[in-house]
Amino acid sequence: MAAEDDTGAKRVIRLKIPPRMYLVPGTAIIVGTVIGLVRGSRTTSLRFLAENVHRPPRTVQGWYFYNKTKNYKVLLGGLKGAGLEASKLGLVASGYVGIEEGLERMGWGEAKEVGAAVGTAGIFSAVYRLPWRMAGRTVVLGGIIGSTLKGLDWGRRRLEAQQNSGRASGAPETPEVCD
């Protein structure tokens, strides 16, 4: 039930959460789950083969239990890998969105893409425990990707402005076809 104020109208609490705050980390979690499932199951399968190469089964029943055990271990290893990778990628994506939103709210909206990409590169380097030299390269790559994102955003806004100014001047909305 909603509480009522002095006028008798119901007070309602509304939260406005930008869709990027849950879409980007959610997508990263799904991608991380798929990557972790594949990597974890492959690693577990190879580990099981390596551990049991010296004692292969000799009967039909032995092969049945060998494959059954291997399949269960591969499934468990895949699920463990999926959970690990999903949490890592979800954390990195949440860091990106959080840094970007924080820069926007601090008034640094013009540099939010670059700042978020560089900050995310730092988070990524920490989460995946990269050596210092590789972490530096990752931060530089983050700066390049952030600059690219900023350029794409600038181009999108410029195209929208041109399209809106064309509509305001009464220009036809159909694009010209070039042969």
N, C-alpha and C. Protein backbone atom coordinates (compact mmCIF):
# COMPACT_ATOMS: atom_id res chain seq x y z
N MET A 1 0.83 -1.18 0.00
CA MET A 1 0.00 0.00 0.00
C MET A 1 0.87 1.24 0.00
N ALA A 2 0.44 2.22 -0.73
CA ALA A 2 1.17 3.49 -0.77
C ALA A 2 0.66 4.39 0.36
N ALA A 3 1.57 5.14 0.94
CA ALA A 3 1.20 6.07 2.01
C ALA A 3 0.50 7.29 1.40
N GLU A 4 -0.35 7.92 2.19
CA GLU A 4 -1.07 9.09 1.72
C GLU A 4 -0.52 10.33 2.41
N ASP A 5 -0.48 11.44 1.66
CA ASP A 5 -0.03 12.70 2.26
C ASP A 5 -1.23 13.49 2.76
N ASP A 6 -1.04 14.78 3.09
CA ASP A 6 -2.10 15.60 3.69
C ASP A 6 -3.28 15.81 2.76
N THR A 7 -3.06 15.81 1.45
CA THR A 7 -4.15 16.06 0.51
C THR A 7 -4.93 14.79 0.19
N GLY A 8 -4.48 13.66 0.66
CA GLY A 8 -5.19 12.42 0.39
C GLY A 8 -4.66 11.70 -0.84
N ALA A 9 -3.73 12.32 -1.56
CA ALA A 9 -3.16 11.67 -2.74
C ALA A 9 -2.10 10.66 -2.31
N LYS A 10 -2.01 9.59 -3.05
CA LYS A 10 -1.04 8.55 -2.71
C LYS A 10 0.35 8.96 -3.19
N ARG A 11 1.33 8.77 -2.31
CA ARG A 11 2.71 9.03 -2.68
C ARG A 11 3.30 7.76 -3.27
N VAL A 12 3.98 7.93 -4.36
CA VAL A 12 4.58 6.80 -5.04
C VAL A 12 6.07 7.06 -5.21
N ILE A 13 6.86 6.07 -4.91
CA ILE A 13 8.30 6.18 -5.10
C ILE A 13 8.63 5.59 -6.46
N ARG A 14 9.31 6.35 -7.28
CA ARG A 14 9.69 5.89 -8.61
C ARG A 14 11.20 5.97 -8.74
N LEU A 15 11.78 4.90 -9.20
CA LEU A 15 13.22 4.87 -9.47
C LEU A 15 13.42 4.87 -10.98
N LYS A 16 14.26 5.77 -11.42
CA LYS A 16 14.56 5.81 -12.85
C LYS A 16 15.98 5.27 -13.02
N ILE A 17 16.07 4.03 -13.43
CA ILE A 17 17.37 3.39 -13.63
C ILE A 17 17.62 3.34 -15.14
N PRO A 18 18.72 3.91 -15.58
CA PRO A 18 19.02 3.86 -17.02
C PRO A 18 19.16 2.41 -17.47
N PRO A 19 18.63 2.06 -18.64
CA PRO A 19 18.69 0.68 -19.11
C PRO A 19 20.12 0.15 -19.24
N ARG A 20 21.09 1.03 -19.49
CA ARG A 20 22.49 0.58 -19.60
C ARG A 20 22.98 -0.04 -18.30
N MET A 21 22.40 0.39 -17.17
CA MET A 21 22.87 -0.10 -15.87
C MET A 21 22.59 -1.59 -15.66
N TYR A 22 21.60 -2.13 -16.36
CA TYR A 22 21.34 -3.56 -16.21
C TYR A 22 21.51 -4.34 -17.52
N LEU A 23 21.44 -3.67 -18.66
CA LEU A 23 21.62 -4.39 -19.92
C LEU A 23 23.08 -4.76 -20.18
N VAL A 24 24.00 -3.83 -19.95
CA VAL A 24 25.42 -4.11 -20.22
C VAL A 24 25.95 -5.20 -19.28
N PRO A 25 25.77 -5.08 -17.95
CA PRO A 25 26.25 -6.17 -17.10
C PRO A 25 25.52 -7.49 -17.34
N GLY A 26 24.23 -7.43 -17.65
CA GLY A 26 23.49 -8.66 -17.94
C GLY A 26 24.01 -9.37 -19.17
N THR A 27 24.29 -8.60 -20.20
CA THR A 27 24.87 -9.18 -21.42
C THR A 27 26.25 -9.74 -21.13
N ALA A 28 27.04 -9.04 -20.34
CA ALA A 28 28.38 -9.53 -19.99
C ALA A 28 28.29 -10.82 -19.19
N ILE A 29 27.33 -10.94 -18.32
CA ILE A 29 27.17 -12.17 -17.55
C ILE A 29 26.80 -13.33 -18.46
N ILE A 30 25.92 -13.09 -19.43
CA ILE A 30 25.54 -14.16 -20.37
C ILE A 30 26.75 -14.58 -21.20
N VAL A 31 27.50 -13.62 -21.72
CA VAL A 31 28.68 -13.94 -22.52
C VAL A 31 29.72 -14.66 -21.66
N GLY A 32 29.91 -14.19 -20.42
CA GLY A 32 30.85 -14.84 -19.51
C GLY A 32 30.44 -16.27 -19.18
N THR A 33 29.15 -16.51 -19.07
CA THR A 33 28.66 -17.86 -18.81
C THR A 33 29.00 -18.79 -19.96
N VAL A 34 28.78 -18.34 -21.18
CA VAL A 34 29.08 -19.17 -22.35
C VAL A 34 30.59 -19.43 -22.44
N ILE A 35 31.38 -18.38 -22.30
CA ILE A 35 32.84 -18.54 -22.38
C ILE A 35 33.33 -19.47 -21.28
N GLY A 36 32.87 -19.27 -20.06
CA GLY A 36 33.30 -20.10 -18.94
C GLY A 36 32.87 -21.53 -19.08
N LEU A 37 31.68 -21.76 -19.61
CA LEU A 37 31.19 -23.12 -19.81
C LEU A 37 32.09 -23.87 -20.80
N VAL A 38 32.42 -23.22 -21.89
CA VAL A 38 33.27 -23.86 -22.90
C VAL A 38 34.68 -24.08 -22.36
N ARG A 39 35.28 -23.05 -21.79
CA ARG A 39 36.65 -23.18 -21.28
C ARG A 39 36.74 -24.16 -20.12
N GLY A 40 35.82 -24.05 -19.19
CA GLY A 40 35.85 -24.92 -18.02
C GLY A 40 35.65 -26.38 -18.37
N SER A 41 34.71 -26.66 -19.26
CA SER A 41 34.47 -28.06 -19.64
C SER A 41 35.64 -28.61 -20.44
N ARG A 42 36.23 -27.81 -21.31
CA ARG A 42 37.38 -28.28 -22.09
C ARG A 42 38.57 -28.56 -21.18
N THR A 43 38.82 -27.66 -20.25
CA THR A 43 39.94 -27.84 -19.33
C THR A 43 39.74 -29.08 -18.46
N THR A 44 38.53 -29.26 -17.95
CA THR A 44 38.24 -30.42 -17.10
C THR A 44 38.34 -31.71 -17.89
N SER A 45 37.89 -31.69 -19.14
CA SER A 45 37.98 -32.88 -19.97
C SER A 45 39.43 -33.28 -20.20
N LEU A 46 40.27 -32.32 -20.53
CA LEU A 46 41.69 -32.63 -20.75
C LEU A 46 42.37 -33.07 -19.46
N ARG A 47 42.00 -32.46 -18.34
CA ARG A 47 42.58 -32.86 -17.06
C ARG A 47 42.18 -34.30 -16.72
N PHE A 48 40.92 -34.64 -16.96
CA PHE A 48 40.46 -36.00 -16.67
C PHE A 48 41.19 -37.01 -17.55
N LEU A 49 41.36 -36.69 -18.82
CA LEU A 49 42.09 -37.59 -19.71
C LEU A 49 43.54 -37.77 -19.25
N ALA A 50 44.17 -36.67 -18.85
CA ALA A 50 45.56 -36.74 -18.42
C ALA A 50 45.71 -37.54 -17.13
N GLU A 51 44.76 -37.41 -16.22
CA GLU A 51 44.84 -38.12 -14.95
C GLU A 51 44.56 -39.60 -15.08
N ASN A 52 43.82 -39.99 -16.11
CA ASN A 52 43.41 -41.39 -16.24
C ASN A 52 44.03 -42.10 -17.43
N VAL A 53 45.04 -41.51 -18.03
CA VAL A 53 45.65 -42.12 -19.20
C VAL A 53 46.39 -43.41 -18.86
N HIS A 54 46.87 -43.52 -17.63
CA HIS A 54 47.63 -44.70 -17.24
C HIS A 54 46.77 -45.90 -16.88
N ARG A 55 45.46 -45.71 -16.74
CA ARG A 55 44.58 -46.82 -16.37
C ARG A 55 43.30 -46.82 -17.20
N PRO A 56 43.41 -47.14 -18.48
CA PRO A 56 42.19 -47.16 -19.30
C PRO A 56 41.31 -48.35 -18.93
N PRO A 57 40.02 -48.20 -19.07
CA PRO A 57 39.11 -49.31 -18.76
C PRO A 57 39.29 -50.46 -19.76
N ARG A 58 39.06 -51.68 -19.29
CA ARG A 58 39.29 -52.85 -20.13
C ARG A 58 38.01 -53.59 -20.48
N THR A 59 36.92 -53.30 -19.80
CA THR A 59 35.65 -53.98 -20.08
C THR A 59 34.63 -52.97 -20.58
N VAL A 60 33.54 -53.49 -21.08
CA VAL A 60 32.45 -52.62 -21.55
C VAL A 60 31.88 -51.83 -20.37
N GLN A 61 31.71 -52.52 -19.26
CA GLN A 61 31.20 -51.85 -18.08
C GLN A 61 32.19 -50.78 -17.60
N GLY A 62 33.46 -51.05 -17.69
CA GLY A 62 34.48 -50.09 -17.31
C GLY A 62 34.43 -48.85 -18.19
N TRP A 63 34.26 -49.04 -19.51
CA TRP A 63 34.15 -47.90 -20.42
C TRP A 63 32.89 -47.08 -20.12
N TYR A 64 31.82 -47.78 -19.77
CA TYR A 64 30.58 -47.08 -19.43
C TYR A 64 30.80 -46.16 -18.23
N PHE A 65 31.37 -46.69 -17.16
CA PHE A 65 31.59 -45.88 -15.96
C PHE A 65 32.66 -44.81 -16.18
N TYR A 66 33.65 -45.11 -17.00
CA TYR A 66 34.68 -44.13 -17.34
C TYR A 66 34.06 -42.91 -18.01
N ASN A 67 33.25 -43.17 -19.04
CA ASN A 67 32.59 -42.06 -19.77
C ASN A 67 31.57 -41.34 -18.90
N LYS A 68 30.84 -42.11 -18.08
CA LYS A 68 29.85 -41.49 -17.21
C LYS A 68 30.54 -40.55 -16.21
N THR A 69 31.61 -41.01 -15.60
CA THR A 69 32.35 -40.19 -14.64
C THR A 69 32.95 -38.97 -15.34
N LYS A 70 33.52 -39.20 -16.51
CA LYS A 70 34.11 -38.08 -17.25
C LYS A 70 33.05 -37.04 -17.58
N ASN A 71 31.89 -37.45 -18.05
CA ASN A 71 30.83 -36.51 -18.42
C ASN A 71 30.37 -35.69 -17.21
N TYR A 72 30.21 -36.33 -16.07
CA TYR A 72 29.79 -35.59 -14.88
C TYR A 72 30.86 -34.60 -14.45
N LYS A 73 32.12 -35.01 -14.51
CA LYS A 73 33.21 -34.10 -14.12
C LYS A 73 33.32 -32.94 -15.10
N VAL A 74 33.12 -33.21 -16.39
CA VAL A 74 33.16 -32.14 -17.40
C VAL A 74 32.02 -31.15 -17.17
N LEU A 75 30.84 -31.66 -16.88
CA LEU A 75 29.70 -30.79 -16.61
C LEU A 75 29.95 -29.92 -15.38
N LEU A 76 30.46 -30.52 -14.31
CA LEU A 76 30.74 -29.76 -13.10
C LEU A 76 31.84 -28.72 -13.35
N GLY A 77 32.89 -29.11 -14.06
CA GLY A 77 33.96 -28.16 -14.38
C GLY A 77 33.47 -27.02 -15.25
N GLY A 78 32.58 -27.32 -16.20
CA GLY A 78 32.01 -26.28 -17.05
C GLY A 78 31.17 -25.30 -16.26
N LEU A 79 30.37 -25.82 -15.33
CA LEU A 79 29.53 -24.93 -14.51
C LEU A 79 30.38 -24.07 -13.58
N LYS A 80 31.44 -24.64 -13.03
CA LYS A 80 32.33 -23.84 -12.19
C LYS A 80 32.99 -22.73 -13.01
N GLY A 81 33.47 -23.09 -14.20
CA GLY A 81 34.08 -22.09 -15.08
C GLY A 81 33.10 -21.03 -15.50
N ALA A 82 31.85 -21.44 -15.76
CA ALA A 82 30.82 -20.48 -16.16
C ALA A 82 30.55 -19.48 -15.04
N GLY A 83 30.44 -19.96 -13.82
CA GLY A 83 30.20 -19.06 -12.70
C GLY A 83 31.35 -18.10 -12.49
N LEU A 84 32.57 -18.59 -12.62
CA LEU A 84 33.75 -17.75 -12.42
C LEU A 84 33.85 -16.67 -13.50
N GLU A 85 33.77 -17.08 -14.76
CA GLU A 85 33.89 -16.11 -15.86
C GLU A 85 32.72 -15.13 -15.88
N ALA A 86 31.51 -15.61 -15.59
CA ALA A 86 30.35 -14.72 -15.58
C ALA A 86 30.50 -13.66 -14.49
N SER A 87 30.99 -14.07 -13.33
CA SER A 87 31.15 -13.08 -12.26
C SER A 87 32.25 -12.08 -12.60
N LYS A 88 33.35 -12.56 -13.19
CA LYS A 88 34.43 -11.64 -13.57
C LYS A 88 33.97 -10.64 -14.62
N LEU A 89 33.36 -11.13 -15.69
CA LEU A 89 32.91 -10.22 -16.75
C LEU A 89 31.78 -9.31 -16.28
N GLY A 90 30.89 -9.83 -15.44
CA GLY A 90 29.82 -9.00 -14.89
C GLY A 90 30.39 -7.89 -14.03
N LEU A 91 31.43 -8.19 -13.24
CA LEU A 91 32.07 -7.18 -12.42
C LEU A 91 32.74 -6.11 -13.28
N VAL A 92 33.43 -6.52 -14.33
CA VAL A 92 34.10 -5.57 -15.21
C VAL A 92 33.07 -4.68 -15.92
N ALA A 93 31.99 -5.28 -16.42
CA ALA A 93 30.96 -4.50 -17.11
C ALA A 93 30.24 -3.55 -16.15
N SER A 94 29.98 -4.02 -14.93
CA SER A 94 29.37 -3.13 -13.93
C SER A 94 30.30 -1.97 -13.60
N GLY A 95 31.60 -2.26 -13.55
CA GLY A 95 32.58 -1.20 -13.33
C GLY A 95 32.55 -0.17 -14.45
N TYR A 96 32.45 -0.64 -15.71
CA TYR A 96 32.39 0.28 -16.85
C TYR A 96 31.16 1.19 -16.74
N VAL A 97 30.01 0.58 -16.53
CA VAL A 97 28.78 1.36 -16.48
C VAL A 97 28.79 2.30 -15.27
N GLY A 98 29.30 1.81 -14.14
CA GLY A 98 29.36 2.64 -12.94
C GLY A 98 30.29 3.83 -13.12
N ILE A 99 31.46 3.59 -13.71
CA ILE A 99 32.40 4.70 -13.94
C ILE A 99 31.79 5.70 -14.92
N GLU A 100 31.18 5.19 -15.98
CA GLU A 100 30.58 6.08 -16.98
C GLU A 100 29.47 6.93 -16.36
N GLU A 101 28.62 6.30 -15.58
CA GLU A 101 27.53 7.04 -14.93
C GLU A 101 28.07 8.03 -13.90
N GLY A 102 29.10 7.62 -13.17
CA GLY A 102 29.71 8.53 -12.19
C GLY A 102 30.32 9.75 -12.85
N LEU A 103 31.02 9.55 -13.96
CA LEU A 103 31.61 10.69 -14.68
C LEU A 103 30.52 11.60 -15.23
N GLU A 104 29.42 11.01 -15.67
CA GLU A 104 28.29 11.81 -16.18
C GLU A 104 27.71 12.67 -15.07
N ARG A 105 27.53 12.10 -13.90
CA ARG A 105 26.93 12.84 -12.79
C ARG A 105 27.88 13.88 -12.20
N MET A 106 29.20 13.65 -12.34
CA MET A 106 30.18 14.63 -11.84
C MET A 106 30.34 15.79 -12.80
N GLY A 107 29.70 15.72 -13.96
CA GLY A 107 29.80 16.81 -14.92
C GLY A 107 30.87 16.61 -15.96
N TRP A 108 31.45 15.44 -16.03
CA TRP A 108 32.48 15.15 -17.01
C TRP A 108 31.90 14.32 -18.14
N GLY A 109 30.71 14.68 -18.59
CA GLY A 109 30.01 13.91 -19.62
C GLY A 109 30.75 13.83 -20.94
N GLU A 110 31.58 14.83 -21.23
CA GLU A 110 32.32 14.83 -22.49
C GLU A 110 33.43 13.77 -22.50
N ALA A 111 33.89 13.39 -21.34
CA ALA A 111 35.00 12.42 -21.27
C ALA A 111 34.57 11.09 -20.67
N LYS A 112 33.27 10.86 -20.59
CA LYS A 112 32.81 9.66 -19.88
C LYS A 112 33.21 8.37 -20.58
N GLU A 113 33.19 8.33 -21.91
CA GLU A 113 33.54 7.10 -22.62
C GLU A 113 35.02 6.76 -22.42
N VAL A 114 35.87 7.78 -22.58
CA VAL A 114 37.32 7.54 -22.43
C VAL A 114 37.64 7.19 -20.98
N GLY A 115 37.09 7.94 -20.04
CA GLY A 115 37.35 7.67 -18.63
C GLY A 115 36.85 6.31 -18.20
N ALA A 116 35.67 5.94 -18.68
CA ALA A 116 35.12 4.63 -18.31
C ALA A 116 35.94 3.50 -18.93
N ALA A 117 36.41 3.68 -20.16
CA ALA A 117 37.20 2.64 -20.81
C ALA A 117 38.55 2.48 -20.12
N VAL A 118 39.19 3.58 -19.76
CA VAL A 118 40.48 3.50 -19.07
C VAL A 118 40.29 2.91 -17.67
N GLY A 119 39.26 3.34 -16.97
CA GLY A 119 38.97 2.77 -15.64
C GLY A 119 38.64 1.29 -15.71
N THR A 120 37.89 0.91 -16.72
CA THR A 120 37.56 -0.50 -16.89
C THR A 120 38.80 -1.32 -17.21
N ALA A 121 39.71 -0.75 -17.98
CA ALA A 121 40.96 -1.45 -18.26
C ALA A 121 41.73 -1.70 -16.96
N GLY A 122 41.71 -0.72 -16.07
CA GLY A 122 42.35 -0.91 -14.77
C GLY A 122 41.66 -1.99 -13.95
N ILE A 123 40.33 -1.98 -13.94
CA ILE A 123 39.57 -3.01 -13.22
C ILE A 123 39.86 -4.39 -13.82
N PHE A 124 39.86 -4.46 -15.16
CA PHE A 124 40.12 -5.72 -15.85
C PHE A 124 41.51 -6.23 -15.48
N SER A 125 42.49 -5.34 -15.46
CA SER A 125 43.86 -5.74 -15.11
C SER A 125 43.93 -6.28 -13.69
N ALA A 126 43.17 -5.68 -12.79
CA ALA A 126 43.17 -6.15 -11.40
C ALA A 126 42.43 -7.48 -11.26
N VAL A 127 41.26 -7.59 -11.91
CA VAL A 127 40.46 -8.81 -11.78
C VAL A 127 41.19 -10.01 -12.37
N TYR A 128 41.82 -9.83 -13.51
CA TYR A 128 42.51 -10.94 -14.17
C TYR A 128 43.99 -11.02 -13.79
N ARG A 129 44.43 -10.21 -12.82
CA ARG A 129 45.78 -10.24 -12.27
C ARG A 129 46.87 -10.18 -13.35
N LEU A 130 46.76 -9.18 -14.20
CA LEU A 130 47.74 -9.03 -15.27
C LEU A 130 49.04 -8.44 -14.72
N PRO A 131 50.18 -8.82 -15.32
CA PRO A 131 51.44 -8.20 -14.92
C PRO A 131 51.44 -6.71 -15.27
N TRP A 132 52.36 -5.93 -14.65
CA TRP A 132 52.37 -4.48 -14.81
C TRP A 132 52.48 -4.06 -16.27
N ARG A 133 53.35 -4.70 -17.00
CA ARG A 133 53.54 -4.32 -18.40
C ARG A 133 52.26 -4.56 -19.21
N MET A 134 51.65 -5.70 -19.02
CA MET A 134 50.41 -6.02 -19.73
C MET A 134 49.28 -5.10 -19.26
N ALA A 135 49.26 -4.75 -17.98
CA ALA A 135 48.24 -3.83 -17.47
C ALA A 135 48.38 -2.46 -18.13
N GLY A 136 49.62 -2.00 -18.32
CA GLY A 136 49.83 -0.73 -19.02
C GLY A 136 49.32 -0.77 -20.44
N ARG A 137 49.58 -1.86 -21.13
CA ARG A 137 49.06 -2.02 -22.50
C ARG A 137 47.55 -2.05 -22.51
N THR A 138 46.97 -2.69 -21.51
CA THR A 138 45.51 -2.77 -21.42
C THR A 138 44.91 -1.39 -21.21
N VAL A 139 45.53 -0.58 -20.38
CA VAL A 139 45.04 0.78 -20.13
C VAL A 139 45.14 1.62 -21.41
N VAL A 140 46.25 1.48 -22.14
CA VAL A 140 46.39 2.21 -23.41
C VAL A 140 45.31 1.75 -24.39
N LEU A 141 45.10 0.45 -24.47
CA LEU A 141 44.04 -0.08 -25.36
C LEU A 141 42.67 0.43 -24.93
N GLY A 142 42.45 0.54 -23.61
CA GLY A 142 41.20 1.10 -23.10
C GLY A 142 41.03 2.55 -23.54
N GLY A 143 42.11 3.31 -23.52
CA GLY A 143 42.05 4.70 -23.98
C GLY A 143 41.71 4.79 -25.46
N ILE A 144 42.29 3.89 -26.25
CA ILE A 144 42.00 3.88 -27.69
C ILE A 144 40.54 3.50 -27.94
N ILE A 145 40.07 2.48 -27.24
CA ILE A 145 38.67 2.06 -27.41
C ILE A 145 37.72 3.15 -26.92
N GLY A 146 38.04 3.79 -25.80
CA GLY A 146 37.20 4.88 -25.31
C GLY A 146 37.15 6.05 -26.27
N SER A 147 38.30 6.37 -26.89
CA SER A 147 38.32 7.44 -27.89
C SER A 147 37.49 7.06 -29.11
N THR A 148 37.56 5.80 -29.49
CA THR A 148 36.75 5.33 -30.62
C THR A 148 35.26 5.44 -30.30
N LEU A 149 34.89 5.04 -29.09
CA LEU A 149 33.49 5.15 -28.68
C LEU A 149 33.04 6.61 -28.66
N LYS A 150 33.91 7.49 -28.20
CA LYS A 150 33.59 8.93 -28.17
C LYS A 150 33.39 9.45 -29.59
N GLY A 151 34.27 9.03 -30.52
CA GLY A 151 34.13 9.43 -31.92
C GLY A 151 32.85 8.92 -32.53
N LEU A 152 32.48 7.68 -32.23
CA LEU A 152 31.22 7.13 -32.75
C LEU A 152 30.02 7.88 -32.18
N ASP A 153 30.08 8.23 -30.90
CA ASP A 153 28.99 8.99 -30.29
C ASP A 153 28.88 10.38 -30.91
N TRP A 154 30.03 11.01 -31.15
CA TRP A 154 30.04 12.32 -31.80
C TRP A 154 29.42 12.22 -33.20
N GLY A 155 29.79 11.19 -33.97
CA GLY A 155 29.22 11.01 -35.31
C GLY A 155 27.72 10.76 -35.28
N ARG A 156 27.27 9.96 -34.30
CA ARG A 156 25.84 9.69 -34.18
C ARG A 156 25.07 10.97 -33.87
N ARG A 157 25.60 11.77 -32.94
CA ARG A 157 24.91 13.02 -32.60
C ARG A 157 24.91 13.99 -33.78
N ARG A 158 25.98 14.01 -34.54
CA ARG A 158 26.05 14.90 -35.70
C ARG A 158 25.03 14.48 -36.77
N LEU A 159 24.93 13.18 -37.01
CA LEU A 159 23.94 12.69 -37.97
C LEU A 159 22.52 12.98 -37.52
N GLU A 160 22.26 12.81 -36.22
CA GLU A 160 20.93 13.13 -35.70
C GLU A 160 20.62 14.61 -35.86
N ALA A 161 21.59 15.47 -35.62
CA ALA A 161 21.39 16.91 -35.77
C ALA A 161 21.11 17.26 -37.23
N GLN A 162 21.84 16.64 -38.16
CA GLN A 162 21.59 16.89 -39.58
C GLN A 162 20.21 16.41 -39.99
N GLN A 163 19.83 15.26 -39.48
CA GLN A 163 18.52 14.71 -39.82
C GLN A 163 17.41 15.59 -39.26
N ASN A 164 17.57 16.05 -38.04
CA ASN A 164 16.56 16.91 -37.43
C ASN A 164 16.50 18.28 -38.11
N SER A 165 17.64 18.83 -38.53
CA SER A 165 17.62 20.12 -39.21
C SER A 165 17.00 19.97 -40.60
N GLY A 166 17.17 18.81 -41.23
CA GLY A 166 16.55 18.56 -42.54
C GLY A 166 15.04 18.48 -42.44
N ARG A 167 14.54 17.90 -41.36
CA ARG A 167 13.08 17.81 -41.16
C ARG A 167 12.49 19.19 -40.86
N ALA A 168 13.24 20.00 -40.12
CA ALA A 168 12.74 21.32 -39.76
C ALA A 168 12.67 22.24 -40.97
N SER A 169 13.55 22.03 -41.96
CA SER A 169 13.55 22.91 -43.13
C SER A 169 12.55 22.45 -44.19
N GLY A 170 11.88 21.35 -43.95
CA GLY A 170 10.87 20.87 -44.90
C GLY A 170 11.46 20.01 -46.00
N ALA A 171 12.67 19.51 -45.85
CA ALA A 171 13.29 18.66 -46.85
C ALA A 171 12.59 17.29 -46.86
N PRO A 172 12.56 16.65 -48.02
CA PRO A 172 11.91 15.34 -48.07
C PRO A 172 12.68 14.33 -47.21
N GLU A 173 11.94 13.35 -46.64
CA GLU A 173 12.56 12.39 -45.76
C GLU A 173 13.16 11.21 -46.49
N THR A 174 12.87 11.06 -47.77
CA THR A 174 13.42 9.93 -48.52
C THR A 174 14.84 10.25 -48.93
N PRO A 175 15.76 9.31 -48.70
CA PRO A 175 17.15 9.55 -49.09
C PRO A 175 17.32 9.46 -50.60
N GLU A 176 18.32 10.17 -51.08
CA GLU A 176 18.62 10.11 -52.52
C GLU A 176 19.32 8.80 -52.84
N VAL A 177 19.03 8.25 -53.99
CA VAL A 177 19.66 7.00 -54.43
C VAL A 177 20.71 7.36 -55.46
N CYS A 178 21.94 6.92 -55.21
CA CYS A 178 23.03 7.17 -56.15
C CYS A 178 23.28 5.91 -56.97
N ASP A 179 23.48 6.10 -58.27
CA ASP A 179 23.77 4.94 -59.13
C ASP A 179 25.23 4.74 -59.28
